PDB file of N, CA and C in Angstrom:
ATOM      1  N   MET A   1      12.592  -7.234 -24.570  1.00  0.00           N
ATOM      2  CA  MET A   1      11.783  -5.378 -23.993  1.00  0.00           C
ATOM      3  C   MET A   1      10.729  -5.902 -23.314  1.00  0.00           C
ATOM      4  N   GLU A   2      10.373  -6.539 -23.658  1.00  0.00           N
ATOM      5  CA  GLU A   2       8.342  -6.835 -22.887  1.00  0.00           C
ATOM      6  C   GLU A   2       8.807  -7.337 -20.821  1.00  0.00           C
ATOM      7  N   GLN A   3      10.317  -8.118 -21.348  1.00  0.00           N
ATOM      8  CA  GLN A   3      10.444  -8.806 -19.835  1.00  0.00           C
ATOM      9  C   GLN A   3      10.992  -7.592 -18.816  1.00  0.00           C
ATOM     10  N   ILE A   4      11.921  -6.496 -19.755  1.00  0.00           N
ATOM     11  CA  ILE A   4      12.321  -5.485 -18.834  1.00  0.00           C
ATOM     12  C   ILE A   4      11.141  -4.657 -17.792  1.00  0.00           C
ATOM     13  N   THR A   5      10.301  -4.496 -18.976  1.00  0.00           N
ATOM     14  CA  THR A   5       8.945  -4.060 -18.631  1.00  0.00           C
ATOM     15  C   THR A   5       7.861  -4.239 -17.451  1.00  0.00           C
ATOM     16  N   THR A   6       7.968  -5.294 -17.549  1.00  0.00           N
ATOM     17  CA  THR A   6       7.519  -6.398 -16.936  1.00  0.00           C
ATOM     18  C   THR A   6       8.336  -6.368 -15.043  1.00  0.00           C
ATOM     19  N   ILE A   7       9.401  -6.407 -15.472  1.00  0.00           N
ATOM     20  CA  ILE A   7      10.349  -6.118 -14.194  1.00  0.00           C
ATOM     21  C   ILE A   7      10.196  -5.134 -13.453  1.00  0.00           C
ATOM     22  N   LEU A   8      10.312  -4.267 -14.556  1.00  0.00           N
ATOM     23  CA  LEU A   8      10.353  -2.602 -13.823  1.00  0.00           C
ATOM     24  C   LEU A   8       8.464  -2.496 -13.081  1.00  0.00           C
ATOM     25  N   VAL A   9       7.474  -2.800 -13.560  1.00  0.00           N
ATOM     26  CA  VAL A   9       6.425  -3.004 -13.123  1.00  0.00           C
ATOM     27  C   VAL A   9       6.243  -3.628 -11.623  1.00  0.00           C
ATOM     28  N   LEU A  10       7.177  -5.079 -11.894  1.00  0.00           N
ATOM     29  CA  LEU A  10       6.865  -5.793 -10.189  1.00  0.00           C
ATOM     30  C   LEU A  10       8.203  -5.128  -8.984  1.00  0.00           C
ATOM     31  N   LEU A  11       8.618  -4.379  -9.534  1.00  0.00           N
ATOM     32  CA  LEU A  11       9.388  -3.444  -8.749  1.00  0.00           C
ATOM     33  C   LEU A  11       8.854  -2.304  -8.095  1.00  0.00           C
ATOM     34  N   VAL A  12       7.736  -1.605  -9.089  1.00  0.00           N
ATOM     35  CA  VAL A  12       6.941  -0.730  -8.355  1.00  0.00           C
ATOM     36  C   VAL A  12       6.105  -1.274  -7.622  1.00  0.00           C
ATOM     37  N   GLU A  13       5.488  -1.978  -7.761  1.00  0.00           N
ATOM     38  CA  GLU A  13       4.391  -3.011  -7.169  1.00  0.00           C
ATOM     39  C   GLU A  13       5.236  -3.098  -5.732  1.00  0.00           C
ATOM     40  N   SER A  14       6.455  -3.612  -5.561  1.00  0.00           N
ATOM     41  CA  SER A  14       6.692  -3.904  -4.296  1.00  0.00           C
ATOM     42  C   SER A  14       7.362  -2.769  -3.525  1.00  0.00           C
ATOM     43  N   VAL A  15       7.731  -1.794  -3.963  1.00  0.00           N
ATOM     44  CA  VAL A  15       8.033  -0.570  -4.015  1.00  0.00           C
ATOM     45  C   VAL A  15       6.733   0.053  -2.717  1.00  0.00           C
ATOM     46  N   ALA A  16       5.731  -0.271  -3.655  1.00  0.00           N
ATOM     47  CA  ALA A  16       4.208   0.510  -3.589  1.00  0.00           C
ATOM     48  C   ALA A  16       3.528  -0.527  -2.129  1.00  0.00           C
ATOM     49  N   LEU A  17       3.972  -1.534  -2.020  1.00  0.00           N
ATOM     50  CA  LEU A  17       3.726  -2.977  -1.089  1.00  0.00           C
ATOM     51  C   LEU A  17       4.391  -2.438   0.369  1.00  0.00           C
ATOM     52  N   ILE A  18       5.619  -2.007   0.077  1.00  0.00           N
ATOM     53  CA  ILE A  18       6.669  -1.708   1.409  1.00  0.00           C
ATOM     54  C   ILE A  18       5.904  -0.189   1.473  1.00  0.00           C
ATOM     55  N   VAL A  19       5.652   1.151   0.939  1.00  0.00           N
ATOM     56  CA  VAL A  19       4.825   2.263   1.659  1.00  0.00           C
ATOM     57  C   VAL A  19       3.975   2.138   1.858  1.00  0.00           C
ATOM     58  N   VAL A  20       2.874   1.101   1.238  1.00  0.00           N
ATOM     59  CA  VAL A  20       1.528   1.045   2.251  1.00  0.00           C
ATOM     60  C   VAL A  20       1.633   0.479   3.417  1.00  0.00           C
ATOM     61  N   LEU A  21       2.610  -0.570   3.857  1.00  0.00           N
ATOM     62  CA  LEU A  21       3.129  -1.374   4.880  1.00  0.00           C
ATOM     63  C   LEU A  21       3.590  -0.300   6.008  1.00  0.00           C
ATOM     64  N   THR A  22       3.828   0.710   5.844  1.00  0.00           N
ATOM     65  CA  THR A  22       4.243   1.657   6.723  1.00  0.00           C
ATOM     66  C   THR A  22       2.976   3.036   7.110  1.00  0.00           C
ATOM     67  N   TRP A  23       2.432   2.830   6.620  1.00  0.00           N
ATOM     68  CA  TRP A  23       0.763   3.496   6.864  1.00  0.00           C
ATOM     69  C   TRP A  23       0.803   3.265   8.288  1.00  0.00           C
ATOM     70  N   PRO A  24      -0.299   4.041   8.837  1.00  0.00           N
ATOM     71  CA  PRO A  24      -0.691   3.635  10.091  1.00  0.00           C
ATOM     72  C   PRO A  24      -1.600   3.453   9.815  1.00  0.00           C
ATOM     73  N   ALA A  25      -2.881   2.838  10.626  1.00  0.00           N
ATOM     74  CA  ALA A  25      -3.761   1.885  10.607  1.00  0.00           C
ATOM     75  C   ALA A  25      -4.973   2.795   9.743  1.00  0.00           C
ATOM     76  N   VAL A  26      -5.525   2.314   9.125  1.00  0.00           N
ATOM     77  CA  VAL A  26      -6.199   3.089   7.899  1.00  0.00           C
ATOM     78  C   VAL A  26      -7.086   2.120   7.801  1.00  0.00           C
ATOM     79  N   LYS A  27      -8.313   2.590   7.748  1.00  0.00           N
ATOM     80  CA  LYS A  27      -9.790   1.874   6.849  1.00  0.00           C
ATOM     81  C   LYS A  27      -9.224   1.607   5.442  1.00  0.00           C
ATOM     82  N   GLY A  28      -9.120   0.472   4.841  1.00  0.00           N
ATOM     83  CA  GLY A  28      -8.956  -0.017   3.681  1.00  0.00           C
ATOM     84  C   GLY A  28      -7.786  -0.429   3.237  1.00  0.00           C
ATOM     85  N   LYS A  29      -6.826  -0.735   4.422  1.00  0.00           N
ATOM     86  CA  LYS A  29      -5.231  -0.413   4.162  1.00  0.00           C
ATOM     87  C   LYS A  29      -5.185  -2.304   3.730  1.00  0.00           C
ATOM     88  N   GLY A  30      -5.538  -3.133   4.630  1.00  0.00           N
ATOM     89  CA  GLY A  30      -5.538  -4.695   4.461  1.00  0.00           C
ATOM     90  C   GLY A  30      -6.327  -5.136   3.155  1.00  0.00           C
ATOM     91  N   TRP A  31      -7.111  -4.104   2.343  1.00  0.00           N
ATOM     92  CA  TRP A  31      -7.278  -4.432   1.471  1.00  0.00           C
ATOM     93  C   TRP A  31      -6.986  -4.354   0.367  1.00  0.00           C
ATOM     94  N   LEU A  32      -5.660  -2.981   0.528  1.00  0.00           N
ATOM     95  CA  LEU A  32      -4.848  -2.714  -0.297  1.00  0.00           C
ATOM     96  C   LEU A  32      -3.499  -3.517  -0.750  1.00  0.00           C
ATOM     97  N   VAL A  33      -3.215  -3.736   0.586  1.00  0.00           N
ATOM     98  CA  VAL A  33      -1.696  -4.715   0.796  1.00  0.00           C
ATOM     99  C   VAL A  33      -2.329  -6.096   0.157  1.00  0.00           C
ATOM    100  N   GLY A  34      -3.757  -6.685   0.476  1.00  0.00           N
ATOM    101  CA  GLY A  34      -4.183  -7.424  -0.575  1.00  0.00           C
ATOM    102  C   GLY A  34      -4.191  -7.872  -2.139  1.00  0.00           C
ATOM    103  N   ALA A  35      -4.639  -6.669  -2.385  1.00  0.00           N
ATOM    104  CA  ALA A  35      -4.603  -6.546  -4.078  1.00  0.00           C
ATOM    105  C   ALA A  35      -2.981  -5.802  -4.272  1.00  0.00           C
ATOM    106  N   LEU A  36      -2.340  -5.374  -4.080  1.00  0.00           N
ATOM    107  CA  LEU A  36      -1.108  -5.913  -4.132  1.00  0.00           C
ATOM    108  C   LEU A  36      -0.417  -7.017  -4.140  1.00  0.00           C
ATOM    109  N   LEU A  37      -0.538  -7.700  -3.488  1.00  0.00           N
ATOM    110  CA  LEU A  37      -0.088  -8.961  -3.028  1.00  0.00           C
ATOM    111  C   LEU A  37      -0.203  -9.957  -4.376  1.00  0.00           C
ATOM    112  N   ALA A  38      -1.745 -10.167  -4.544  1.00  0.00           N
ATOM    113  CA  ALA A  38      -1.929 -10.544  -5.172  1.00  0.00           C
ATOM    114  C   ALA A  38      -1.841 -10.324  -6.853  1.00  0.00           C
ATOM    115  N   GLU A  39      -1.702  -9.293  -7.042  1.00  0.00           N
ATOM    116  CA  GLU A  39      -0.683  -8.194  -8.587  1.00  0.00           C
ATOM    117  C   GLU A  39       0.411  -9.000  -8.422  1.00  0.00           C
ATOM    118  N   LEU A  40       1.433  -8.616  -7.511  1.00  0.00           N
ATOM    119  CA  LEU A  40       2.419  -8.802  -7.793  1.00  0.00           C
ATOM    120  C   LEU A  40       2.823 -10.580  -7.220  1.00  0.00           C
ATOM    121  N   SER A  41       1.933 -11.262  -6.789  1.00  0.00           N
ATOM    122  CA  SER A  41       2.272 -12.728  -6.641  1.00  0.00           C
ATOM    123  C   SER A  41       1.743 -13.224  -8.448  1.00  0.00           C
ATOM    124  N   SER A  42       0.982 -12.911  -8.876  1.00  0.00           N
ATOM    125  CA  SER A  42       0.162 -13.375 -10.335  1.00  0.00           C
ATOM    126  C   SER A  42       1.650 -12.764 -11.322  1.00  0.00           C
ATOM    127  N   GLY A  43       2.331 -11.561 -11.062  1.00  0.00           N
ATOM    128  CA  GLY A  43       2.703 -10.949 -11.812  1.00  0.00           C
ATOM    129  C   GLY A  43       4.399 -11.671 -12.435  1.00  0.00           C
ATOM    130  N   LEU A  44       4.869 -11.696 -10.895  1.00  0.00           N
ATOM    131  CA  LEU A  44       6.312 -13.139 -10.414  1.00  0.00           C
ATOM    132  C   LEU A  44       5.812 -14.543 -11.221  1.00  0.00           C
ATOM    133  N   CYS A  45       4.660 -15.015 -11.222  1.00  0.00           N
ATOM    134  CA  CYS A  45       4.663 -16.321 -11.642  1.00  0.00           C
ATOM    135  C   CYS A  45       4.563 -16.390 -13.203  1.00  0.00           C
ATOM    136  N   ALA A  46       3.786 -15.180 -13.374  1.00  0.00           N
ATOM    137  CA  ALA A  46       3.736 -15.046 -15.412  1.00  0.00           C
ATOM    138  C   ALA A  46       5.488 -15.057 -15.604  1.00  0.00           C
ATOM    139  N   LEU A  47       6.258 -14.235 -14.874  1.00  0.00           N
ATOM    140  CA  LEU A  47       7.612 -13.895 -14.982  1.00  0.00           C
ATOM    141  C   LEU A  47       8.050 -15.042 -15.563  1.00  0.00           C
ATOM    142  N   VAL A  48       7.885 -16.016 -14.480  1.00  0.00           N
ATOM    143  CA  VAL A  48       8.819 -17.575 -14.472  1.00  0.00           C
ATOM    144  C   VAL A  48       8.515 -18.095 -15.048  1.00  0.00           C
ATOM    145  N   LEU A  49       7.241 -17.988 -15.216  1.00  0.00           N
ATOM    146  CA  LEU A  49       6.853 -19.432 -16.254  1.00  0.00           C
ATOM    147  C   LEU A  49       7.012 -18.949 -17.626  1.00  0.00           C
ATOM    148  N   HIS A  50       6.973 -17.335 -18.229  1.00  0.00           N
ATOM    149  CA  HIS A  50       7.717 -16.648 -19.564  1.00  0.00           C
ATOM    150  C   HIS A  50       9.137 -17.109 -19.512  1.00  0.00           C
ATOM    151  N   MET A  51       9.598 -17.427 -18.399  1.00  0.00           N
ATOM    152  CA  MET A  51      11.637 -17.345 -18.448  1.00  0.00           C
ATOM    153  C   MET A  51      11.574 -18.709 -18.665  1.00  0.00           C
ATOM    154  N   SER A  52      10.555 -19.473 -17.755  1.00  0.00           N
ATOM    155  CA  SER A  52      11.000 -21.487 -18.397  1.00  0.00           C
ATOM    156  C   SER A  52      10.728 -21.507 -19.383  1.00  0.00           C
ATOM    157  N   MET A  53      10.090 -21.026 -20.638  1.00  0.00           N
ATOM    158  CA  MET A  53       9.632 -21.337 -22.043  1.00  0.00           C
ATOM    159  C   MET A  53      11.247 -21.122 -22.675  1.00  0.00           C
ATOM    160  N   SER A  54      11.199 -21.991 -23.623  1.00  0.00           N
ATOM    161  CA  SER A  54      12.577 -22.241 -24.152  1.00  0.00           C
ATOM    162  C   SER A  54      13.298 -21.015 -24.958  1.00  0.00           C
ATOM    163  N   PRO A  55      13.891 -20.694 -25.142  1.00  0.00           N
ATOM    164  CA  PRO A  55      14.629 -19.556 -25.662  1.00  0.00           C
ATOM    165  C   PRO A  55      14.273 -18.905 -27.403  1.00  0.00           C
ATOM    166  N   SER A  56      13.470 -20.124 -27.861  1.00  0.00           N
ATOM    167  CA  SER A  56      12.969 -19.665 -28.960  1.00  0.00           C
ATOM    168  C   SER A  56      11.430 -19.185 -28.880  1.00  0.00           C
ATOM    169  N   GLY A  57      11.279 -19.347 -27.199  1.00  0.00           N
ATOM    170  CA  GLY A  57       9.758 -18.465 -27.242  1.00  0.00           C
ATOM    171  C   GLY A  57       8.840 -19.781 -27.397  1.00  0.00           C
ATOM    172  N   GLU A  58       9.101 -20.880 -28.323  1.00  0.00           N
ATOM    173  CA  GLU A  58       7.944 -22.003 -28.281  1.00  0.00           C
ATOM    174  C   GLU A  58       8.027 -23.431 -27.223  1.00  0.00           C
ATOM    175  N   MET A  59       7.109 -23.415 -26.922  1.00  0.00           N
ATOM    176  CA  MET A  59       7.055 -24.375 -26.239  1.00  0.00           C
ATOM    177  C   MET A  59       6.369 -26.054 -26.515  1.00  0.00           C
ATOM    178  N   ILE A  60       7.489 -26.950 -27.160  1.00  0.00           N
ATOM    179  CA  ILE A  60       6.973 -28.103 -27.000  1.00  0.00           C
ATOM    180  C   ILE A  60       6.519 -29.436 -26.165  1.00  0.00           C
ATOM    181  N   MET A  61       5.208 -29.004 -25.982  1.00  0.00           N
ATOM    182  CA  MET A  61       4.579 -30.083 -25.099  1.00  0.00           C
ATOM    183  C   MET A  61       3.244 -30.972 -25.288  1.00  0.00           C
ATOM    184  N   GLY A  62       3.445 -32.087 -24.316  1.00  0.00           N
ATOM    185  CA  GLY A  62       2.695 -32.939 -24.540  1.00  0.00           C
ATOM    186  C   GLY A  62       0.926 -32.626 -24.280  1.00  0.00           C
ATOM    187  N   VAL A  63       0.129 -33.420 -24.468  1.00  0.00           N
ATOM    188  CA  VAL A  63      -0.705 -33.195 -23.879  1.00  0.00           C
ATOM    189  C   VAL A  63      -0.922 -32.660 -22.382  1.00  0.00           C
ATOM    190  N   GLU A  64      -0.742 -33.681 -21.595  1.00  0.00           N
ATOM    191  CA  GLU A  64      -0.526 -33.350 -19.654  1.00  0.00           C
ATOM    192  C   GLU A  64      -0.056 -31.576 -19.639  1.00  0.00           C
ATOM    193  N   GLU A  65       1.140 -31.746 -20.337  1.00  0.00           N
ATOM    194  CA  GLU A  65       1.873 -30.351 -20.068  1.00  0.00           C
ATOM    195  C   GLU A  65       1.317 -29.007 -20.377  1.00  0.00           C
ATOM    196  N   TYR A  66       0.436 -29.005 -21.670  1.00  0.00           N
ATOM    197  CA  TYR A  66      -0.507 -27.997 -22.246  1.00  0.00           C
ATOM    198  C   TYR A  66      -1.509 -28.019 -21.710  1.00  0.00           C
ATOM    199  N   HIS A  67      -2.200 -29.019 -21.275  1.00  0.00           N
ATOM    200  CA  HIS A  67      -3.207 -28.813 -19.739  1.00  0.00           C
ATOM    201  C   HIS A  67      -3.011 -28.140 -18.536  1.00  0.00           C
ATOM    202  N   GLN A  68      -1.461 -28.471 -18.158  1.00  0.00           N
ATOM    203  CA  GLN A  68      -1.330 -27.916 -16.582  1.00  0.00           C
ATOM    204  C   GLN A  68      -1.102 -26.745 -17.622  1.00  0.00           C
ATOM    205  N   TYR A  69      -0.559 -26.404 -18.195  1.00  0.00           N
ATOM    206  CA  TYR A  69      -0.107 -24.830 -18.684  1.00  0.00           C
ATOM    207  C   TYR A  69      -1.264 -23.531 -18.976  1.00  0.00           C
ATOM    208  N   LEU A  70      -2.494 -24.473 -19.329  1.00  0.00           N
ATOM    209  CA  LEU A  70      -3.835 -23.777 -19.243  1.00  0.00           C
ATOM    210  C   LEU A  70      -4.506 -23.662 -17.821  1.00  0.00           C
ATOM    211  N   GLN A  71      -4.028 -24.957 -17.675  1.00  0.00           N
ATOM    212  CA  GLN A  71      -4.375 -24.667 -15.901  1.00  0.00           C
ATOM    213  C   GLN A  71      -3.978 -23.492 -14.977  1.00  0.00           C
ATOM    214  N   PHE A  72      -2.875 -23.660 -15.141  1.00  0.00           N
ATOM    215  CA  PHE A  72      -1.496 -22.731 -14.457  1.00  0.00           C
ATOM    216  C   PHE A  72      -1.918 -21.399 -15.349  1.00  0.00           C
ATOM    217  N   ALA A  73      -2.314 -20.774 -16.469  1.00  0.00           N
ATOM    218  CA  ALA A  73      -2.378 -19.422 -16.824  1.00  0.00           C
ATOM    219  C   ALA A  73      -3.805 -18.680 -16.447  1.00  0.00           C
ATOM    220  N   PHE A  74      -5.026 -19.944 -16.050  1.00  0.00           N
ATOM    221  CA  PHE A  74      -6.031 -19.866 -15.630  1.00  0.00           C
ATOM    222  C   PHE A  74      -5.994 -19.116 -14.248  1.00  0.00           C
ATOM    223  N   PHE A  75      -5.163 -20.183 -13.350  1.00  0.00           N
ATOM    224  CA  PHE A  75      -5.291 -19.766 -12.287  1.00  0.00           C
ATOM    225  C   PHE A  75      -4.533 -18.280 -12.088  1.00  0.00           C
ATOM    226  N   LEU A  76      -3.446 -17.795 -13.239  1.00  0.00           N
ATOM    227  CA  LEU A  76      -2.820 -16.662 -13.086  1.00  0.00           C
ATOM    228  C   LEU A  76      -3.646 -15.589 -13.094  1.00  0.00           C
ATOM    229  N   PHE A  77      -4.635 -15.692 -14.087  1.00  0.00           N
ATOM    230  CA  PHE A  77      -5.545 -14.842 -14.758  1.00  0.00           C
ATOM    231  C   PHE A  77      -6.617 -14.540 -13.421  1.00  0.00           C
ATOM    232  N   GLY A  78      -7.024 -15.149 -13.051  1.00  0.00           N
ATOM    233  CA  GLY A  78      -8.115 -15.300 -11.773  1.00  0.00           C
ATOM    234  C   GLY A  78      -7.227 -14.400 -10.617  1.00  0.00           C
ATOM    235  N   LEU A  79      -5.871 -14.852 -10.222  1.00  0.00           N
ATOM    236  CA  LEU A  79      -5.381 -13.933  -9.448  1.00  0.00           C
ATOM    237  C   LEU A  79      -5.468 -12.876  -9.697  1.00  0.00           C
ATOM    238  N   GLU A  80      -4.950 -12.337 -10.790  1.00  0.00           N
ATOM    239  CA  GLU A  80      -4.868 -10.681 -11.825  1.00  0.00           C
ATOM    240  C   GLU A  80      -6.363 -10.335 -11.567  1.00  0.00           C
ATOM    241  N   LEU A  81      -7.330 -11.108 -12.009  1.00  0.00           N
ATOM    242  CA  LEU A  81      -8.531 -10.458 -11.926  1.00  0.00           C
ATOM    243  C   LEU A  81      -9.315 -10.151 -10.133  1.00  0.00           C
ATOM    244  N   LEU A  82      -8.589 -10.969  -9.143  1.00  0.00           N
ATOM    245  CA  LEU A  82      -8.766 -10.342  -8.004  1.00  0.00           C
ATOM    246  C   LEU A  82      -7.751  -9.750  -6.981  1.00  0.00           C
ATOM    247  N   GLY A  83      -6.676  -9.538  -7.740  1.00  0.00           N
ATOM    248  CA  GLY A  83      -6.313  -8.242  -7.506  1.00  0.00           C
ATOM    249  C   GLY A  83      -6.914  -6.662  -7.762  1.00  0.00           C
ATOM    250  N   LYS A  84      -7.079  -6.796  -9.090  1.00  0.00           N
ATOM    251  CA  LYS A  84      -8.074  -5.727  -9.512  1.00  0.00           C
ATOM    252  C   LYS A  84      -9.266  -5.170  -8.652  1.00  0.00           C
ATOM    253  N   VAL A  85      -9.649  -6.510  -8.538  1.00  0.00           N
ATOM    254  CA  VAL A  85     -10.854  -6.398  -7.865  1.00  0.00           C
ATOM    255  C   VAL A  85     -10.828  -5.632  -6.124  1.00  0.00           C
ATOM    256  N   LEU A  86      -9.803  -6.326  -5.415  1.00  0.00           N
ATOM    257  CA  LEU A  86      -9.442  -5.785  -4.277  1.00  0.00           C
ATOM    258  C   LEU A  86      -8.914  -4.476  -4.396  1.00  0.00           C
ATOM    259  N   PHE A  87      -8.259  -4.041  -5.646  1.00  0.00           N
ATOM    260  CA  PHE A  87      -7.784  -2.432  -5.407  1.00  0.00           C
ATOM    261  C   PHE A  87      -8.896  -1.476  -5.463  1.00  0.00           C
ATOM    262  N   VAL A  88      -9.840  -1.935  -6.339  1.00  0.00           N
ATOM    263  CA  VAL A  88     -10.965  -1.534  -6.327  1.00  0.00           C
ATOM    264  C   VAL A  88     -11.801  -0.686  -5.203  1.00  0.00           C
ATOM    265  N   VAL A  89     -11.799  -2.156  -4.164  1.00  0.00           N
ATOM    266  CA  VAL A  89     -12.500  -2.100  -2.547  1.00  0.00           C
ATOM    267  C   VAL A  89     -11.480  -1.270  -1.986  1.00  0.00           C
ATOM    268  N   ALA A  90     -10.450  -1.629  -2.353  1.00  0.00           N
ATOM    269  CA  ALA A  90      -9.635  -0.207  -1.429  1.00  0.00           C
ATOM    270  C   ALA A  90      -9.325   0.998  -1.362  1.00  0.00           C
ATOM    271  N   VAL A  91      -9.421   0.976  -3.029  1.00  0.00           N
ATOM    272  CA  VAL A  91      -9.908   2.477  -3.269  1.00  0.00           C
ATOM    273  C   VAL A  91     -10.811   2.853  -3.281  1.00  0.00           C
ATOM    274  N   PHE A  92     -11.866   2.582  -3.066  1.00  0.00           N
ATOM    275  CA  PHE A  92     -13.753   3.007  -2.182  1.00  0.00           C
ATOM    276  C   PHE A  92     -13.511   3.150  -0.848  1.00  0.00           C
ATOM    277  N   GLN A  93     -12.662   1.824  -0.174  1.00  0.00           N
ATOM    278  CA  GLN A  93     -12.602   1.930   1.343  1.00  0.00           C
ATOM    279  C   GLN A  93     -11.501   3.389   2.042  1.00  0.00           C
ATOM    280  N   LEU A  94     -10.735   3.552   0.871  1.00  0.00           N
ATOM    281  CA  LEU A  94      -9.713   4.590   1.138  1.00  0.00           C
ATOM    282  C   LEU A  94     -10.339   5.883   0.970  1.00  0.00           C
ATOM    283  N   ARG A  95     -11.215   6.388  -0.114  1.00  0.00           N
ATOM    284  CA  ARG A  95     -12.050   7.464  -0.303  1.00  0.00           C
ATOM    285  C   ARG A  95     -12.657   7.774   0.895  1.00  0.00           C
ATOM    286  N   SER A  96     -13.297   6.539   1.154  1.00  0.00           N
ATOM    287  CA  SER A  96     -14.306   7.259   2.409  1.00  0.00           C
ATOM    288  C   SER A  96     -13.716   7.750   3.919  1.00  0.00           C
ATOM    289  N   THR A  97     -12.723   6.670   4.553  1.00  0.00           N
ATOM    290  CA  THR A  97     -11.634   7.447   5.006  1.00  0.00           C
ATOM    291  C   THR A  97     -11.214   8.726   5.240  1.00  0.00           C
ATOM    292  N   LEU A  98     -10.962   9.170   3.713  1.00  0.00           N
ATOM    293  CA  LEU A  98     -10.217  10.072   3.561  1.00  0.00           C
ATOM    294  C   LEU A  98     -11.272  11.309   3.665  1.00  0.00           C
ATOM    295  N   LEU A  99     -12.634  11.156   2.992  1.00  0.00           N
ATOM    296  CA  LEU A  99     -13.676  12.130   3.265  1.00  0.00           C
ATOM    297  C   LEU A  99     -14.355  12.845   4.343  1.00  0.00           C
ATOM    298  N   GLN A 100     -13.836  11.199   5.653  1.00  0.00           N
ATOM    299  CA  GLN A 100     -14.410  11.073   6.741  1.00  0.00           C
ATOM    300  C   GLN A 100     -13.552  11.894   7.729  1.00  0.00           C
ATOM    301  N   LEU A 101     -12.130  12.223   6.951  1.00  0.00           N
ATOM    302  CA  LEU A 101     -10.919  13.086   8.178  1.00  0.00           C
ATOM    303  C   LEU A 101     -11.144  13.981   7.409  1.00  0.00           C
ATOM    304  N   LEU A 102     -11.600  14.505   5.751  1.00  0.00           N
ATOM    305  CA  LEU A 102     -11.621  15.828   5.646  1.00  0.00           C
ATOM    306  C   LEU A 102     -12.999  16.792   6.560  1.00  0.00           C
ATOM    307  N   ARG A 103     -14.144  16.050   6.834  1.00  0.00           N
ATOM    308  CA  ARG A 103     -15.131  16.284   7.700  1.00  0.00           C
ATOM    309  C   ARG A 103     -14.648  16.640   8.770  1.00  0.00           C
ATOM    310  N   THR A 104     -14.049  15.689   9.522  1.00  0.00           N
ATOM    311  CA  THR A 104     -13.966  16.199  10.956  1.00  0.00           C
ATOM    312  C   THR A 104     -12.398  17.431  11.375  1.00  0.00           C
ATOM    313  N   VAL A 105     -11.833  17.551  10.344  1.00  0.00           N
ATOM    314  CA  VAL A 105     -10.819  19.043  10.075  1.00  0.00           C
ATOM    315  C   VAL A 105     -11.848  20.110   9.612  1.00  0.00           C
ATOM    316  N   ALA A 106     -12.844  19.850   8.801  1.00  0.00           N
ATOM    317  CA  ALA A 106     -13.988  21.159   8.235  1.00  0.00           C
ATOM    318  C   ALA A 106     -14.568  21.374  10.120  1.00  0.00           C
ATOM    319  N   THR A 107     -15.154  20.466  10.514  1.00  0.00           N
ATOM    320  CA  THR A 107     -15.993  20.776  11.720  1.00  0.00           C
ATOM    321  C   THR A 107     -14.797  21.134  12.862  1.00  0.00           C
ATOM    322  N   GLN A 108     -14.242  20.975  13.094  1.00  0.00           N
ATOM    323  CA  GLN A 108     -12.891  21.215  13.764  1.00  0.00           C
ATOM    324  C   GLN A 108     -12.162  22.988  13.381  1.00  0.00           C
ATOM    325  N   LYS A 109     -12.521  23.238  12.189  1.00  0.00           N
ATOM    326  CA  LYS A 109     -12.197  24.727  11.915  1.00  0.00           C
ATOM    327  C   LYS A 109     -13.286  25.517  12.706  1.00  0.00           C
ATOM    328  N   ASP A 110     -14.790  25.071  12.132  1.00  0.00           N
ATOM    329  CA  ASP A 110     -15.643  25.857  12.254  1.00  0.00           C
ATOM    330  C   ASP A 110     -16.062  26.106  14.136  1.00  0.00           C
TER     331      ASP A 110
END
């Protein structure tokens, strides 16, 4: 059930990325695309890592494999954190663009 939820989230992120890419040139669009790509990449890698585990969910690993697994998990955590930071930056950039557009519309009405 957890994998189905993860797959659905990845599909929603993919659709969101396609929708954002169809936007015209807007300040903050690049940040949002970067955030979605980072989130999508980390989600896909985590899903592949989880699916590569044995069916019982337990991995029998040696020291070297365990070390590589921890490095990969740390990399995925960093990538996901980067995606969240980029998303916050994108929201503030898009907010400033929207406020500027609203000011322009308000001055044109007067």
